Amino acid sequence: MAETEVERFWRETEERLGERVLLYSLGQYLGGYGDVRAGAWGLFYISDSALHFQTFPNQNWFSTIFRSFARSRAREEATEMEFTLPQASIREAQLRGGRSLWKRIFAPEPPTVSVYYINEDGNESELRFLMDMKVKEFVNLLKARSP
């Protein structure tokens, strides 16, 4: 049976990391880590030793048509961004979605994940992101692996 593109991607990712990927989901980075552009969409995944985020260069038909009007944006989208947050630095993970039932029905928005971690300076920082699916599983796995 032939390996699919998705299976190959995860196999190569695990080979590059030298460890297994336990869980992954598509999400939107909101802020809280280095110089990664807020609002970027990509893959969040948990390996044996870390939380990872990775974007992928994309060119869609819309950006191609309007390339001359938005050259800087096209260059930004074409740049892959990623970071790795070691599991040992993660102190807590929370699912934030305290909106009223009324707002959830008429203005649906995915819940926000907050990950509190110790940064390179030794200070606590908050990483925030939204996820499309597996949100509770993702937060529970981060919680279970935190010291």
Protein backbone atom coordinates (compact mmCIF):
# COMPACT_ATOMS: atom_id res chain seq x y z
CA MET A 1 0.00 0.00 0.00
CA ALA A 2 1.40 3.39 -0.99
CA GLU A 3 2.18 5.96 1.65
CA THR A 4 -0.03 9.06 1.44
CA GLU A 5 1.37 12.59 1.45
CA VAL A 6 0.03 13.16 4.97
CA GLU A 7 1.56 9.92 6.29
CA ARG A 8 4.88 10.84 4.67
CA PHE A 9 4.79 14.33 6.23
CA TRP A 10 4.29 12.94 9.74
CA ARG A 11 6.88 10.19 9.25
CA GLU A 12 9.45 12.77 8.07
CA THR A 13 8.51 15.12 10.94
CA GLU A 14 9.05 12.35 13.49
CA GLU A 15 12.38 11.44 11.85
CA ARG A 16 13.48 15.11 11.95
CA LEU A 17 12.45 15.45 15.61
CA GLY A 18 13.83 12.07 16.63
CA GLU A 19 10.63 11.36 18.55
CA ARG A 20 6.97 10.63 18.00
CA VAL A 21 4.19 13.12 17.42
CA LEU A 22 1.45 12.44 19.95
CA LEU A 23 -1.28 14.85 18.79
CA TYR A 24 -1.75 17.57 16.19
CA SER A 25 -4.32 20.12 15.08
CA LEU A 26 -4.69 23.08 12.79
CA GLY A 27 -4.73 26.36 14.68
CA GLN A 28 -4.20 30.09 14.63
CA TYR A 29 -1.35 31.64 16.59
CA LEU A 30 -2.52 34.72 18.52
CA GLY A 31 0.63 35.75 20.33
CA GLY A 32 3.07 35.17 23.13
CA TYR A 33 6.18 33.72 21.52
CA GLY A 34 9.07 35.54 19.88
CA ASP A 35 8.62 37.26 16.55
CA VAL A 36 6.06 34.90 15.03
CA ARG A 37 3.39 36.95 13.21
CA ALA A 38 0.13 37.05 15.17
CA GLY A 39 -2.78 35.66 13.19
CA ALA A 40 -0.68 33.04 11.39
CA TRP A 41 -2.38 29.71 10.71
CA GLY A 42 -0.46 26.47 10.94
CA LEU A 43 -0.05 23.15 12.68
CA PHE A 44 0.28 22.82 16.42
CA TYR A 45 1.61 19.46 17.50
CA ILE A 46 2.86 17.81 20.65
CA SER A 47 5.87 15.52 20.52
CA ASP A 48 7.38 13.49 23.36
CA SER A 49 9.38 16.51 24.56
CA ALA A 50 7.78 19.72 23.22
CA LEU A 51 4.91 21.76 21.83
CA HIS A 52 5.56 22.78 18.22
CA PHE A 53 4.01 25.29 15.82
CA GLN A 54 4.74 25.36 12.10
CA THR A 55 3.33 27.41 9.25
CA PHE A 56 3.70 26.60 5.58
CA PRO A 57 4.40 28.91 2.65
CA ASN A 58 1.23 29.31 0.63
CA GLN A 59 0.29 30.91 -2.61
CA ASN A 60 -3.37 30.91 -3.49
CA TRP A 61 -5.06 32.29 -6.57
CA PHE A 62 -6.17 35.44 -4.75
CA SER A 63 -2.65 36.38 -3.61
CA THR A 64 -1.30 35.61 -7.08
CA ILE A 65 -3.77 37.98 -8.78
CA PHE A 66 -3.10 40.79 -6.33
CA ARG A 67 0.62 40.16 -5.90
CA SER A 68 1.61 43.59 -7.16
CA PHE A 69 -0.69 45.28 -4.62
CA ALA A 70 0.52 43.31 -1.65
CA ARG A 71 4.14 42.31 -2.26
CA SER A 72 5.14 42.49 1.40
CA ARG A 73 2.18 40.33 2.45
CA ALA A 74 3.00 37.75 -0.23
CA ARG A 75 6.61 37.59 1.02
CA GLU A 76 5.34 37.21 4.58
CA GLU A 77 3.03 34.36 3.58
CA ALA A 78 5.81 32.66 1.64
CA THR A 79 8.02 32.51 4.75
CA GLU A 80 7.70 29.46 6.92
CA MET A 81 7.52 30.22 10.63
CA GLU A 82 7.96 27.77 13.44
CA PHE A 83 8.85 27.44 17.07
CA THR A 84 9.36 24.73 19.63
CA LEU A 85 8.40 25.15 23.25
CA PRO A 86 10.11 22.48 25.42
CA GLN A 87 7.69 20.57 27.63
CA ALA A 88 9.93 21.26 30.65
CA SER A 89 9.27 25.01 30.30
CA ILE A 90 5.46 24.64 30.24
CA ARG A 91 3.88 25.41 33.61
CA GLU A 92 0.17 25.29 32.82
CA ALA A 93 -2.33 24.96 29.97
CA GLN A 94 -5.86 26.34 30.05
CA LEU A 95 -8.85 26.36 27.77
CA ARG A 96 -10.49 29.77 27.79
CA GLY A 97 -13.99 30.03 26.44
CA GLY A 98 -15.97 31.84 29.07
CA ARG A 99 -18.42 33.47 26.70
CA SER A 100 -22.13 33.42 27.37
CA LEU A 101 -24.36 30.89 25.65
CA TRP A 102 -25.98 33.72 23.67
CA LYS A 103 -22.63 34.88 22.25
CA ARG A 104 -21.51 31.31 21.48
CA ILE A 105 -24.71 30.73 19.46
CA PHE A 106 -24.78 34.01 17.52
CA ALA A 107 -21.08 34.84 17.34
CA PRO A 108 -19.31 31.48 17.37
CA GLU A 109 -15.59 31.63 17.98
CA PRO A 110 -13.29 28.77 18.87
CA PRO A 111 -12.05 28.74 22.46
CA THR A 112 -8.62 30.18 23.16
CA VAL A 113 -5.83 27.98 24.48
CA SER A 114 -3.42 29.65 26.92
CA VAL A 115 -0.09 27.98 27.65
CA TYR A 116 1.96 29.51 30.44
CA TYR A 117 5.68 28.83 30.15
CA ILE A 118 9.06 30.03 31.38
CA ASN A 119 10.84 31.94 28.58
CA GLU A 120 14.58 32.22 27.89
CA ASP A 121 14.83 35.17 30.33
CA GLY A 122 13.39 33.08 33.16
CA ASN A 123 10.08 34.98 33.19
CA GLU A 124 6.61 33.53 32.77
CA SER A 125 4.99 34.18 29.38
CA GLU A 126 1.60 33.30 27.93
CA LEU A 127 1.28 31.67 24.51
CA ARG A 128 -2.23 32.03 23.04
CA PHE A 129 -3.81 30.26 20.09
CA LEU A 130 -7.10 29.01 18.65
CA MET A 131 -7.66 25.48 17.36
CA ASP A 132 -10.10 23.99 14.89
CA MET A 133 -10.41 20.55 16.45
CA LYS A 134 -9.11 18.31 19.23
CA VAL A 135 -8.94 21.34 21.53
CA LYS A 136 -9.84 19.58 24.78
CA GLU A 137 -7.56 16.63 23.99
CA PHE A 138 -4.73 19.02 23.20
CA VAL A 139 -5.09 20.99 26.45
CA ASN A 140 -5.53 17.81 28.51
CA LEU A 141 -2.36 16.29 27.04
CA LEU A 142 -0.39 19.48 27.76
CA LYS A 143 -1.76 19.54 31.34
CA ALA A 144 -0.92 15.88 31.91
CA ARG A 145 2.67 16.43 30.77
CA SER A 146 3.28 19.67 32.74
CA PRO A 147 5.38 19.50 35.92
